[in-house]
Amino acid sequence: MDQLELLKKDWKKQEGSLPKLSREDISKLIHKKSSSIVKWIFIISVLELIIPYIPYLFIDYSKNTEFAKEFGLSSFFIIFSAIFYIVIIYFIFRFYKNYKSISANSNSKELMQNIIKTRRAVKHYIWFNLGMIPLMASILFYKIFNSTEFLEKLPEETSMTSVWLLAFIFILITVALLWLFYRLLYGILLNKLRSNYKELISNGVD
């Protein structure tokens, strides 16, 4: 049982030997917990943006450039990367703004509104990432599978239907794994925010 549950139990029982706790005391604790949760959402989103590119510090980046040029994907990677980074940075800014809003001194009603905004922003962030993967992969595979370089290397007996089927299975597995990752990582934080939201409702708002 965490600190909030202990305080709730103490507040409801109001035993004479225990200190009496007001709704304001519980709201302050919920406020503190919510601020910590949103801070972690912000930190994780920043790490998500940085960590995938750490390996590039230790590998030969020119090989990726050669691959892009070979299949005519240079423009695709530039455009996709620009769109992706702009949107992700926008979400990180929203998470930071939500964190600052929740961290500021606010009443219970404002805290509830900020919790709703944060949960909605995280869900939009997750759906954006899950949607970009199949979109990017489909365009990428289409360009590669229709390139002269790929068709020349493909064995004559190989069916393009089989190739596309394997590509579809790969995309599906990748999206499923990412969804499970987000479900585990952000799901825990969102569930805690939802619990805090319910606690604020049960204790009334300012």
C-alpha atoms as a PDB file:
ATOM      1  CA  MET A   1       0.000   0.000   0.000  1.00  0.00           C
ATOM      2  CA  ASP A   2       1.561   3.305  -1.058  1.00  0.00           C
ATOM      3  CA  GLN A   3       1.643   6.581   0.832  1.00  0.00           C
ATOM      4  CA  LEU A   4      -1.483   7.921  -0.848  1.00  0.00           C
ATOM      5  CA  GLU A   5      -3.552   4.888   0.140  1.00  0.00           C
ATOM      6  CA  LEU A   6      -2.339   5.187   3.736  1.00  0.00           C
ATOM      7  CA  LEU A   7      -3.309   8.842   3.819  1.00  0.00           C
ATOM      8  CA  LYS A   8      -6.722   8.059   2.314  1.00  0.00           C
ATOM      9  CA  LYS A   9      -7.354   5.372   4.911  1.00  0.00           C
ATOM     10  CA  ASP A  10      -6.254   7.712   7.666  1.00  0.00           C
ATOM     11  CA  TRP A  11      -8.418  10.550   6.314  1.00  0.00           C
ATOM     12  CA  LYS A  12     -11.528   8.360   6.135  1.00  0.00           C
ATOM     13  CA  LYS A  13     -11.157   6.801   9.559  1.00  0.00           C
ATOM     14  CA  GLN A  14     -10.176  10.050  11.302  1.00  0.00           C
ATOM     15  CA  GLU A  15      -9.134   8.155  14.370  1.00  0.00           C
ATOM     16  CA  GLY A  16      -8.457  10.284  17.394  1.00  0.00           C
ATOM     17  CA  SER A  17      -4.927   8.989  17.847  1.00  0.00           C
ATOM     18  CA  LEU A  18      -3.968   9.821  14.256  1.00  0.00           C
ATOM     19  CA  PRO A  19      -3.445  13.255  12.688  1.00  0.00           C
ATOM     20  CA  LYS A  20      -6.481  14.466  10.777  1.00  0.00           C
ATOM     21  CA  LEU A  21      -5.877  15.008   7.100  1.00  0.00           C
ATOM     22  CA  SER A  22      -7.908  17.316   4.926  1.00  0.00           C
ATOM     23  CA  ARG A  23      -8.822  17.027   1.252  1.00  0.00           C
ATOM     24  CA  GLU A  24      -6.186  19.664   0.634  1.00  0.00           C
ATOM     25  CA  ASP A  25      -3.478  17.438   2.150  1.00  0.00           C
ATOM     26  CA  ILE A  26      -4.426  14.519  -0.084  1.00  0.00           C
ATOM     27  CA  SER A  27      -4.699  16.793  -3.137  1.00  0.00           C
ATOM     28  CA  LYS A  28      -1.176  18.081  -2.508  1.00  0.00           C
ATOM     29  CA  LEU A  29       0.167  14.541  -2.414  1.00  0.00           C
ATOM     30  CA  ILE A  30      -1.675  13.658  -5.644  1.00  0.00           C
ATOM     31  CA  HIS A  31      -0.293  16.850  -7.165  1.00  0.00           C
ATOM     32  CA  LYS A  32       3.249  15.831  -6.235  1.00  0.00           C
ATOM     33  CA  LYS A  33       2.831  12.303  -7.596  1.00  0.00           C
ATOM     34  CA  SER A  34       1.294  13.545 -10.853  1.00  0.00           C
ATOM     35  CA  SER A  35       4.131  16.005 -11.360  1.00  0.00           C
ATOM     36  CA  SER A  36       6.670  13.201 -10.919  1.00  0.00           C
ATOM     37  CA  ILE A  37       4.839  10.952 -13.414  1.00  0.00           C
ATOM     38  CA  VAL A  38       4.674  13.641 -16.100  1.00  0.00           C
ATOM     39  CA  LYS A  39       8.355  14.442 -15.538  1.00  0.00           C
ATOM     40  CA  TRP A  40       9.181  10.807 -16.293  1.00  0.00           C
ATOM     41  CA  ILE A  41       7.031  10.897 -19.425  1.00  0.00           C
ATOM     42  CA  PHE A  42       9.044  13.890 -20.598  1.00  0.00           C
ATOM     43  CA  ILE A  43      12.390  12.230 -19.759  1.00  0.00           C
ATOM     44  CA  ILE A  44      11.455   8.963 -21.497  1.00  0.00           C
ATOM     45  CA  SER A  45      10.323  10.770 -24.647  1.00  0.00           C
ATOM     46  CA  VAL A  46      13.669  12.600 -24.830  1.00  0.00           C
ATOM     47  CA  LEU A  47      15.580   9.341 -24.324  1.00  0.00           C
ATOM     48  CA  GLU A  48      13.495   7.742 -27.081  1.00  0.00           C
ATOM     49  CA  LEU A  49      14.673  10.438 -29.447  1.00  0.00           C
ATOM     50  CA  ILE A  50      18.346  10.149 -28.483  1.00  0.00           C
ATOM     51  CA  ILE A  51      19.061   6.468 -27.727  1.00  0.00           C
ATOM     52  CA  PRO A  52      18.305   5.003 -31.208  1.00  0.00           C
ATOM     53  CA  TYR A  53      21.029   7.205 -32.700  1.00  0.00           C
ATOM     54  CA  ILE A  54      23.783   6.367 -30.209  1.00  0.00           C
ATOM     55  CA  PRO A  55      24.938   3.332 -32.295  1.00  0.00           C
ATOM     56  CA  TYR A  56      25.691   5.721 -35.176  1.00  0.00           C
ATOM     57  CA  LEU A  57      28.586   7.027 -33.093  1.00  0.00           C
ATOM     58  CA  PHE A  58      30.270   3.641 -33.409  1.00  0.00           C
ATOM     59  CA  ILE A  59      29.408   2.528 -36.962  1.00  0.00           C
ATOM     60  CA  ASP A  60      30.316   3.664 -40.444  1.00  0.00           C
ATOM     61  CA  TYR A  61      27.491   6.022 -41.416  1.00  0.00           C
ATOM     62  CA  SER A  62      28.717   6.168 -45.003  1.00  0.00           C
ATOM     63  CA  LYS A  63      27.379   2.641 -45.611  1.00  0.00           C
ATOM     64  CA  ASN A  64      23.837   3.841 -44.913  1.00  0.00           C
ATOM     65  CA  THR A  65      24.392   6.761 -47.282  1.00  0.00           C
ATOM     66  CA  GLU A  66      25.568   4.401 -50.012  1.00  0.00           C
ATOM     67  CA  PHE A  67      22.528   2.185 -49.468  1.00  0.00           C
ATOM     68  CA  ALA A  68      20.183   5.166 -49.769  1.00  0.00           C
ATOM     69  CA  LYS A  69      21.845   6.343 -52.954  1.00  0.00           C
ATOM     70  CA  GLU A  70      21.842   2.839 -54.476  1.00  0.00           C
ATOM     71  CA  PHE A  71      18.064   2.514 -54.168  1.00  0.00           C
ATOM     72  CA  GLY A  72      17.238   6.183 -54.718  1.00  0.00           C
ATOM     73  CA  LEU A  73      16.121   6.722 -51.134  1.00  0.00           C
ATOM     74  CA  SER A  74      18.154   9.792 -50.213  1.00  0.00           C
ATOM     75  CA  SER A  75      15.271  12.248 -50.688  1.00  0.00           C
ATOM     76  CA  PHE A  76      12.866   9.878 -48.934  1.00  0.00           C
ATOM     77  CA  PHE A  77      15.059   9.635 -45.836  1.00  0.00           C
ATOM     78  CA  ILE A  78      15.560  13.400 -45.703  1.00  0.00           C
ATOM     79  CA  ILE A  79      11.837  14.179 -45.997  1.00  0.00           C
ATOM     80  CA  PHE A  80      10.779  11.436 -43.600  1.00  0.00           C
ATOM     81  CA  SER A  81      13.423  12.396 -41.018  1.00  0.00           C
ATOM     82  CA  ALA A  82      12.397  16.064 -41.193  1.00  0.00           C
ATOM     83  CA  ILE A  83       8.702  15.267 -40.645  1.00  0.00           C
ATOM     84  CA  PHE A  84       9.468  12.754 -37.904  1.00  0.00           C
ATOM     85  CA  TYR A  85      11.775  15.049 -35.946  1.00  0.00           C
ATOM     86  CA  ILE A  86       9.454  18.033 -36.207  1.00  0.00           C
ATOM     87  CA  VAL A  87       6.494  16.062 -34.856  1.00  0.00           C
ATOM     88  CA  ILE A  88       8.490  14.306 -32.120  1.00  0.00           C
ATOM     89  CA  ILE A  89      10.041  17.568 -30.929  1.00  0.00           C
ATOM     90  CA  TYR A  90       6.534  19.049 -30.869  1.00  0.00           C
ATOM     91  CA  PHE A  91       5.356  16.203 -28.607  1.00  0.00           C
ATOM     92  CA  ILE A  92       8.388  16.582 -26.342  1.00  0.00           C
ATOM     93  CA  PHE A  93       7.593  20.285 -26.037  1.00  0.00           C
ATOM     94  CA  ARG A  94       3.988  19.389 -25.105  1.00  0.00           C
ATOM     95  CA  PHE A  95       5.189  16.931 -22.450  1.00  0.00           C
ATOM     96  CA  TYR A  96       7.523  19.554 -21.022  1.00  0.00           C
ATOM     97  CA  LYS A  97       4.761  22.155 -21.048  1.00  0.00           C
ATOM     98  CA  ASN A  98       2.381  19.736 -19.297  1.00  0.00           C
ATOM     99  CA  TYR A  99       5.048  19.003 -16.701  1.00  0.00           C
ATOM    100  CA  LYS A 100       5.560  22.705 -16.004  1.00  0.00           C
ATOM    101  CA  SER A 101       1.800  23.254 -15.797  1.00  0.00           C
ATOM    102  CA  ILE A 102       1.307  20.419 -13.322  1.00  0.00           C
ATOM    103  CA  SER A 103       4.384  21.434 -11.322  1.00  0.00           C
ATOM    104  CA  ALA A 104       3.045  24.953 -10.900  1.00  0.00           C
ATOM    105  CA  ASN A 105       0.818  25.701  -7.964  1.00  0.00           C
ATOM    106  CA  SER A 106      -2.708  24.942  -9.127  1.00  0.00           C
ATOM    107  CA  ASN A 107      -5.985  23.853  -7.617  1.00  0.00           C
ATOM    108  CA  SER A 108      -7.487  20.374  -8.004  1.00  0.00           C
ATOM    109  CA  LYS A 109      -9.639  21.364 -10.966  1.00  0.00           C
ATOM    110  CA  GLU A 110      -6.630  22.657 -12.905  1.00  0.00           C
ATOM    111  CA  LEU A 111      -4.662  19.537 -11.977  1.00  0.00           C
ATOM    112  CA  MET A 112      -7.460  17.318 -13.330  1.00  0.00           C
ATOM    113  CA  GLN A 113      -7.477  19.268 -16.595  1.00  0.00           C
ATOM    114  CA  ASN A 114      -3.692  18.933 -16.912  1.00  0.00           C
ATOM    115  CA  ILE A 115      -3.874  15.191 -16.262  1.00  0.00           C
ATOM    116  CA  ILE A 116      -6.442  14.826 -19.060  1.00  0.00           C
ATOM    117  CA  LYS A 117      -4.255  16.871 -21.438  1.00  0.00           C
ATOM    118  CA  THR A 118      -1.191  14.790 -20.592  1.00  0.00           C
ATOM    119  CA  ARG A 119      -2.955  11.462 -21.094  1.00  0.00           C
ATOM    120  CA  ARG A 120      -4.354  12.661 -24.436  1.00  0.00           C
ATOM    121  CA  ALA A 121      -0.918  13.908 -25.591  1.00  0.00           C
ATOM    122  CA  VAL A 122       0.770  10.601 -24.711  1.00  0.00           C
ATOM    123  CA  LYS A 123      -1.879   8.606 -26.597  1.00  0.00           C
ATOM    124  CA  HIS A 124      -1.453  10.821 -29.673  1.00  0.00           C
ATOM    125  CA  TYR A 125       2.317  10.412 -29.398  1.00  0.00           C
ATOM    126  CA  ILE A 126       2.014   6.607 -29.287  1.00  0.00           C
ATOM    127  CA  TRP A 127      -0.416   6.446 -32.223  1.00  0.00           C
ATOM    128  CA  PHE A 128       1.827   8.716 -34.274  1.00  0.00           C
ATOM    129  CA  ASN A 129       4.818   6.421 -33.760  1.00  0.00           C
ATOM    130  CA  LEU A 130       2.781   3.292 -34.439  1.00  0.00           C
ATOM    131  CA  GLY A 131       1.366   4.854 -37.602  1.00  0.00           C
ATOM    132  CA  MET A 132       4.676   6.111 -38.974  1.00  0.00           C
ATOM    133  CA  ILE A 133       6.336   2.698 -38.903  1.00  0.00           C
ATOM    134  CA  PRO A 134       4.012   0.899 -41.372  1.00  0.00           C
ATOM    135  CA  LEU A 135       3.811   4.038 -43.529  1.00  0.00           C
ATOM    136  CA  MET A 136       7.573   4.464 -43.723  1.00  0.00           C
ATOM    137  CA  ALA A 137       8.243   0.740 -44.146  1.00  0.00           C
ATOM    138  CA  SER A 138       5.631   0.384 -46.910  1.00  0.00           C
ATOM    139  CA  ILE A 139       7.130   3.254 -48.916  1.00  0.00           C
ATOM    140  CA  LEU A 140      10.635   1.970 -48.256  1.00  0.00           C
ATOM    141  CA  PHE A 141       9.836  -1.580 -49.368  1.00  0.00           C
ATOM    142  CA  TYR A 142       7.928  -0.325 -52.408  1.00  0.00           C
ATOM    143  CA  LYS A 143      10.904   1.702 -53.611  1.00  0.00           C
ATOM    144  CA  ILE A 144      13.371  -1.107 -52.962  1.00  0.00           C
ATOM    145  CA  PHE A 145      11.244  -3.898 -54.480  1.00  0.00           C
ATOM    146  CA  ASN A 146      10.683  -1.873 -57.647  1.00  0.00           C
ATOM    147  CA  SER A 147      14.289  -0.825 -58.074  1.00  0.00           C
ATOM    148  CA  THR A 148      16.416  -2.314 -60.815  1.00  0.00           C
ATOM    149  CA  GLU A 149      19.167  -3.140 -58.313  1.00  0.00           C
ATOM    150  CA  PHE A 150      16.830  -5.299 -56.214  1.00  0.00           C
ATOM    151  CA  LEU A 151      15.151  -7.050 -59.149  1.00  0.00           C
ATOM    152  CA  GLU A 152      18.522  -7.954 -60.645  1.00  0.00           C
ATOM    153  CA  LYS A 153      19.648  -9.594 -57.396  1.00  0.00           C
ATOM    154  CA  LEU A 154      16.339 -11.421 -56.846  1.00  0.00           C
ATOM    155  CA  PRO A 155      16.383 -15.111 -57.897  1.00  0.00           C
ATOM    156  CA  GLU A 156      14.186 -15.745 -60.963  1.00  0.00           C
ATOM    157  CA  GLU A 157      11.982 -18.302 -59.213  1.00  0.00           C
ATOM    158  CA  THR A 158      11.157 -15.914 -56.352  1.00  0.00           C
ATOM    159  CA  SER A 159       7.570 -14.631 -56.315  1.00  0.00           C
ATOM    160  CA  MET A 160       7.038 -10.961 -55.504  1.00  0.00           C
ATOM    161  CA  THR A 161       3.871 -11.962 -53.677  1.00  0.00           C
ATOM    162  CA  SER A 162       6.001 -13.965 -51.249  1.00  0.00           C
ATOM    163  CA  VAL A 163       8.408 -11.071 -50.883  1.00  0.00           C
ATOM    164  CA  TRP A 164       5.583  -8.661 -50.060  1.00  0.00           C
ATOM    165  CA  LEU A 165       4.056 -11.187 -47.656  1.00  0.00           C
ATOM    166  CA  LEU A 166       7.326 -11.448 -45.742  1.00  0.00           C
ATOM    167  CA  ALA A 167       7.605  -7.662 -45.709  1.00  0.00           C
ATOM    168  CA  PHE A 168       4.050  -7.361 -44.357  1.00  0.00           C
ATOM    169  CA  ILE A 169       4.769  -9.919 -41.612  1.00  0.00           C
ATOM    170  CA  PHE A 170       7.931  -8.024 -40.688  1.00  0.00           C
ATOM    171  CA  ILE A 171       6.026  -4.740 -40.434  1.00  0.00           C
ATOM    172  CA  LEU A 172       3.256  -6.363 -38.396  1.00  0.00           C
ATOM    173  CA  ILE A 173       5.683  -7.911 -35.908  1.00  0.00           C
ATOM    174  CA  THR A 174       7.604  -4.643 -35.562  1.00  0.00           C
ATOM    175  CA  VAL A 175       4.433  -2.643 -34.849  1.00  0.00           C
ATOM    176  CA  ALA A 176       3.205  -5.287 -32.398  1.00  0.00           C
ATOM    177  CA  LEU A 177       6.499  -5.261 -30.471  1.00  0.00           C
ATOM    178  CA  LEU A 178       6.544  -1.466 -30.349  1.00  0.00           C
ATOM    179  CA  TRP A 179       2.920  -1.437 -29.180  1.00  0.00           C
ATOM    180  CA  LEU A 180       3.800  -3.879 -26.376  1.00  0.00           C
ATOM    181  CA  PHE A 181       6.766  -1.685 -25.444  1.00  0.00           C
ATOM    182  CA  TYR A 182       4.591   1.426 -25.249  1.00  0.00           C
ATOM    183  CA  ARG A 183       1.858  -0.501 -23.464  1.00  0.00           C
ATOM    184  CA  LEU A 184       4.319  -1.530 -20.774  1.00  0.00           C
ATOM    185  CA  LEU A 185       6.284   1.699 -20.511  1.00  0.00           C
ATOM    186  CA  TYR A 186       3.719   4.463 -20.948  1.00  0.00           C
ATOM    187  CA  GLY A 187       0.758   2.299 -19.912  1.00  0.00           C
ATOM    188  CA  ILE A 188       2.012   2.081 -16.344  1.00  0.00           C
ATOM    189  CA  LEU A 189       2.472   5.848 -16.144  1.00  0.00           C
ATOM    190  CA  LEU A 190      -0.912   6.574 -17.733  1.00  0.00           C
ATOM    191  CA  ASN A 191      -2.653   4.181 -15.342  1.00  0.00           C
ATOM    192  CA  LYS A 192      -1.082   6.004 -12.413  1.00  0.00           C
ATOM    193  CA  LEU A 193      -2.291   9.327 -13.799  1.00  0.00           C
ATOM    194  CA  ARG A 194      -5.770   7.882 -14.246  1.00  0.00           C
ATOM    195  CA  SER A 195      -5.731   6.684 -10.623  1.00  0.00           C
ATOM    196  CA  ASN A 196      -4.728  10.158  -9.486  1.00  0.00           C
ATOM    197  CA  TYR A 197      -7.535  11.626 -11.571  1.00  0.00           C
ATOM    198  CA  LYS A 198     -10.070   9.306  -9.908  1.00  0.00           C
ATOM    199  CA  GLU A 199      -8.715  10.200  -6.488  1.00  0.00           C
ATOM    200  CA  LEU A 200      -9.244  13.884  -7.207  1.00  0.00           C
ATOM    201  CA  ILE A 201     -12.827  13.201  -8.251  1.00  0.00           C
ATOM    202  CA  SER A 202     -13.552  11.106  -5.170  1.00  0.00           C
ATOM    203  CA  ASN A 203     -12.133  13.820  -2.898  1.00  0.00           C
ATOM    204  CA  GLY A 204     -13.850  16.660  -4.730  1.00  0.00           C
ATOM    205  CA  VAL A 205     -12.276  19.557  -6.623  1.00  0.00           C
ATOM    206  CA  ASP A 206     -11.423  23.093  -5.555  1.00  0.00           C
END
